[in-house]
Amino acid sequence: MQAVAFTAIAIREELKKFFIVALARQQRGEKTGMPSCYLDTFWHRIAENPKQYEQFCLEFVGTHALVDHLPYNGEGILEWVPEYEAQFGLLPSIWFTDLDGKVNVPMYDEYMETGTVRASWNCGPALPPKESGEVRNAMMCV
């Protein structure tokens, strides 16, 4: 399959959607794993520049507090997908795309046929507790 290119705006918008779902789950005491994919790599890169990442969090998440990038390892079905779909529709192909821009067709096809996504993850987002007032380095997982 031919490599797919995504615009910076599309990538940021998709990361914003993920944060919205993940932070709602956090409020219910649920963790949300970020699958290892193109978006996770973008998140790593943007979080390495604290000023740029703070601007991203303010613009796309509406908070001065940085969304932490915390270690959280696992594999299996991504339980947050139905909540994402309820708010934003089907996952776009960027969720199934590797760093070279190649879509994992079997994984994408399984999602389209079953509505489930099986993946591995090594990190997830979290906002620091409101009472802490703390703004930390957002990169805690590499």
Protein backbone atom coordinates (compact mmCIF):
# COMPACT_ATOMS: atom_id res chain seq x y z
CA MET A 1 0.00 0.00 0.00
CA GLN A 2 1.20 3.49 -0.84
CA ALA A 3 2.32 5.79 2.00
CA VAL A 4 -0.26 8.24 3.33
CA ALA A 5 0.57 11.87 4.21
CA PHE A 6 -1.26 13.80 6.91
CA THR A 7 -1.32 17.56 7.40
CA ALA A 8 -0.13 19.03 10.70
CA ILE A 9 -3.64 20.37 11.28
CA ALA A 10 -5.20 16.92 10.80
CA ILE A 11 -2.67 15.36 13.18
CA ARG A 12 -3.28 18.00 15.85
CA GLU A 13 -7.06 17.68 15.50
CA GLU A 14 -6.87 13.91 15.91
CA LEU A 15 -4.64 14.20 18.97
CA LYS A 16 -7.13 16.71 20.40
CA LYS A 17 -9.98 14.22 19.92
CA PHE A 18 -7.95 11.53 21.67
CA PHE A 19 -7.23 13.87 24.60
CA ILE A 20 -10.92 14.76 24.92
CA VAL A 21 -11.86 11.09 25.18
CA ALA A 22 -8.92 10.20 27.42
CA LEU A 23 -9.44 13.06 29.85
CA ALA A 24 -13.16 12.25 30.17
CA ARG A 25 -12.17 8.67 30.99
CA GLN A 26 -9.62 9.96 33.52
CA GLN A 27 -12.41 11.79 35.35
CA ARG A 28 -14.14 8.41 35.72
CA GLY A 29 -10.94 6.81 37.02
CA GLU A 30 -10.18 4.98 33.75
CA LYS A 31 -6.82 4.91 31.98
CA THR A 32 -6.53 5.29 28.22
CA GLY A 33 -3.64 3.74 26.32
CA MET A 34 -2.23 5.51 23.28
CA PRO A 35 -1.50 2.84 20.68
CA SER A 36 1.96 2.85 19.18
CA CYS A 37 1.36 4.64 15.89
CA TYR A 38 2.00 7.82 13.93
CA LEU A 39 0.02 9.95 16.41
CA ASP A 40 2.00 8.72 19.41
CA THR A 41 5.25 9.69 17.71
CA PHE A 42 3.84 13.15 16.94
CA TRP A 43 2.83 13.48 20.61
CA HIS A 44 6.38 12.59 21.69
CA ARG A 45 7.86 15.17 19.33
CA ILE A 46 5.57 18.05 20.24
CA ALA A 47 5.96 17.39 23.98
CA GLU A 48 9.75 17.73 23.71
CA ASN A 49 9.32 21.49 23.20
CA PRO A 50 7.68 22.79 26.41
CA LYS A 51 6.58 26.17 24.99
CA GLN A 52 5.12 24.63 21.84
CA TYR A 53 3.44 21.90 23.87
CA GLU A 54 1.94 24.38 26.34
CA GLN A 55 0.53 26.34 23.39
CA PHE A 56 -0.87 23.13 21.93
CA CYS A 57 -2.50 22.20 25.26
CA LEU A 58 -3.97 25.68 25.61
CA GLU A 59 -5.24 25.81 22.02
CA PHE A 60 -6.46 22.24 21.62
CA VAL A 61 -7.26 21.12 25.16
CA GLY A 62 -8.11 24.46 26.77
CA THR A 63 -5.72 24.23 29.68
CA HIS A 64 -2.39 25.78 30.68
CA ALA A 65 -1.59 22.55 32.51
CA LEU A 66 0.35 20.21 30.28
CA VAL A 67 -1.27 16.91 29.47
CA ASP A 68 1.17 14.42 30.97
CA HIS A 69 2.54 11.61 28.84
CA LEU A 70 2.67 8.79 31.39
CA PRO A 71 3.98 5.23 31.18
CA TYR A 72 1.08 2.80 30.80
CA ASN A 73 1.85 -0.54 29.15
CA GLY A 74 -0.65 -2.96 27.74
CA GLU A 75 -2.06 -4.73 24.75
CA GLY A 76 -5.47 -5.87 23.69
CA ILE A 77 -8.70 -4.21 22.61
CA LEU A 78 -8.71 -0.42 22.86
CA GLU A 79 -11.67 0.11 25.17
CA TRP A 80 -11.93 3.83 24.42
CA VAL A 81 -12.82 3.41 20.74
CA PRO A 82 -16.64 3.25 21.22
CA GLU A 83 -16.53 6.50 23.20
CA TYR A 84 -14.45 8.11 20.45
CA GLU A 85 -16.89 6.90 17.79
CA ALA A 86 -19.88 8.23 19.72
CA GLN A 87 -18.36 11.72 19.67
CA PHE A 88 -16.40 11.84 16.42
CA GLY A 89 -17.37 8.92 14.18
CA LEU A 90 -15.13 6.13 12.90
CA LEU A 91 -11.41 6.22 13.58
CA PRO A 92 -9.55 7.61 10.57
CA SER A 93 -6.67 5.70 9.00
CA ILE A 94 -4.06 7.72 10.92
CA TRP A 95 -4.73 5.41 13.90
CA PHE A 96 -3.51 2.48 11.79
CA THR A 97 -0.53 4.23 10.22
CA ASP A 98 3.13 3.63 11.06
CA LEU A 99 5.99 6.15 11.01
CA ASP A 100 6.60 5.56 7.33
CA GLY A 101 3.02 6.57 6.53
CA LYS A 102 1.94 3.01 5.74
CA VAL A 103 -1.49 1.88 6.88
CA ASN A 104 -1.63 -1.50 8.63
CA VAL A 105 -4.30 -2.88 6.30
CA PRO A 106 -5.12 -6.08 8.26
CA MET A 107 -5.58 -4.07 11.46
CA TYR A 108 -7.70 -1.45 9.68
CA ASP A 109 -9.79 -4.14 7.96
CA GLU A 110 -10.42 -5.89 11.29
CA TYR A 111 -11.59 -2.57 12.74
CA MET A 112 -13.92 -1.93 9.80
CA GLU A 113 -15.37 -5.47 10.03
CA THR A 114 -15.67 -5.83 13.82
CA GLY A 115 -15.54 -2.31 15.25
CA THR A 116 -12.68 -3.30 17.54
CA VAL A 117 -9.04 -2.30 17.53
CA ARG A 118 -6.39 -4.60 18.91
CA ALA A 119 -3.11 -2.86 19.64
CA SER A 120 -0.27 -2.45 22.10
CA TRP A 121 0.53 0.75 23.98
CA ASN A 122 3.21 2.04 26.31
CA CYS A 123 1.82 5.38 27.42
CA GLY A 124 -1.31 7.40 28.02
CA PRO A 125 -2.41 10.96 28.81
CA ALA A 126 -3.36 12.49 32.14
CA LEU A 127 -3.94 15.97 33.49
CA PRO A 128 -2.23 16.78 36.77
CA PRO A 129 -4.65 17.10 39.72
CA LYS A 130 -6.29 20.54 39.74
CA GLU A 131 -5.33 21.21 43.35
CA SER A 132 -1.62 20.74 42.61
CA GLY A 133 -1.39 23.80 40.34
CA GLU A 134 1.67 22.05 39.01
CA VAL A 135 2.88 22.35 35.42
CA ARG A 136 5.45 19.62 34.83
CA ASN A 137 7.51 18.39 31.97
CA ALA A 138 4.93 16.47 29.98
CA MET A 139 7.35 13.83 28.66
CA MET A 140 7.61 11.07 31.21
CA CYS A 141 7.55 8.10 28.85
CA VAL A 142 9.82 7.52 25.92
